[in-house]
Amino acid sequence: MKCGCDDIEKRLKQALIESKVSRYRIAKESGLTESQLSYFVNGKRTLTLPTAAKLAKVLGLELVEKKGKKKKKAR
């Protein structure tokens, strides 16, 4: 099952790059360090889902589970 993690990371990176708020402030409000944000933006680090959710909230984004088709159980 595909989680869409690449899409989440791309959107968060784009929001960080486009944000008019300083990375220092974003880091403080999300509980990350500026170094962690930098590593993330530069592709040297990934984020856990809870951390991504905190970062999304600070950036004014919301992580929402996308409902997909349920697989039928084999009998």
Protein backbone atom coordinates (compact mmCIF):
# COMPACT_ATOMS: atom_id res chain seq x y z
CA MET A 1 0.00 0.00 0.00
CA LYS A 2 1.39 3.37 -0.99
CA CYS A 3 1.41 5.88 1.84
CA GLY A 4 1.91 9.06 -0.19
CA CYS A 5 4.96 9.91 1.92
CA ASP A 6 6.78 11.43 -1.04
CA ASP A 7 3.82 13.76 -1.63
CA ILE A 8 3.76 14.77 2.03
CA GLU A 9 7.48 15.48 2.05
CA LYS A 10 7.31 17.47 -1.18
CA ARG A 11 4.44 19.59 0.10
CA LEU A 12 6.11 20.24 3.45
CA LYS A 13 9.40 21.16 1.77
CA GLN A 14 7.61 23.52 -0.61
CA ALA A 15 5.71 25.14 2.27
CA LEU A 16 8.97 25.61 4.20
CA ILE A 17 10.68 27.18 1.21
CA GLU A 18 7.74 29.50 0.48
CA SER A 19 7.08 30.42 4.12
CA LYS A 20 7.65 34.02 5.12
CA VAL A 21 8.19 32.85 8.70
CA SER A 22 11.81 32.30 9.74
CA ARG A 23 13.10 28.75 10.01
CA TYR A 24 14.10 29.58 13.56
CA ARG A 25 10.49 30.31 14.48
CA ILE A 26 9.19 27.30 12.55
CA ALA A 27 11.73 25.11 14.35
CA LYS A 28 10.79 26.46 17.77
CA GLU A 29 7.05 26.05 17.19
CA SER A 30 7.37 22.54 15.72
CA GLY A 31 9.87 21.22 18.26
CA LEU A 32 12.59 20.68 15.66
CA THR A 33 16.02 22.25 15.45
CA GLU A 34 17.03 24.49 12.57
CA SER A 35 19.56 21.82 11.59
CA GLN A 36 16.83 19.17 11.39
CA LEU A 37 14.75 21.45 9.15
CA SER A 38 17.75 22.12 6.95
CA TYR A 39 18.55 18.41 6.63
CA PHE A 40 14.92 17.73 5.76
CA VAL A 41 14.74 20.44 3.09
CA ASN A 42 18.02 19.25 1.58
CA GLY A 43 16.85 15.63 1.42
CA LYS A 44 19.34 14.36 4.01
CA ARG A 45 16.66 13.47 6.54
CA THR A 46 13.09 12.25 6.60
CA LEU A 47 10.47 13.02 9.23
CA THR A 48 8.37 10.71 11.32
CA LEU A 49 4.62 11.08 10.83
CA PRO A 50 4.08 12.79 14.22
CA THR A 51 6.87 15.27 13.45
CA ALA A 52 5.50 15.89 9.97
CA ALA A 53 2.09 16.58 11.52
CA LYS A 54 3.60 19.13 13.95
CA LEU A 55 5.47 20.81 11.12
CA ALA A 56 2.37 20.85 8.93
CA LYS A 57 0.38 22.50 11.72
CA VAL A 58 2.98 25.24 12.14
CA LEU A 59 2.94 25.82 8.38
CA GLY A 60 -0.86 26.04 8.31
CA LEU A 61 -1.30 22.66 6.64
CA GLU A 62 -3.25 19.62 7.76
CA LEU A 63 -2.46 15.97 7.20
CA VAL A 64 -5.60 14.11 6.22
CA GLU A 65 -5.95 10.39 5.66
CA LYS A 66 -7.00 9.72 2.12
CA LYS A 67 -9.72 7.11 1.99
CA GLY A 68 -9.07 4.45 -0.61
CA LYS A 69 -10.88 1.43 -1.88
CA LYS A 70 -11.04 -1.42 0.57
CA LYS A 71 -9.57 -4.68 -0.61
CA LYS A 72 -11.89 -7.64 -0.58
CA LYS A 73 -10.84 -10.49 1.66
CA ALA A 74 -10.04 -13.75 -0.04
CA ARG A 75 -12.30 -16.61 1.00
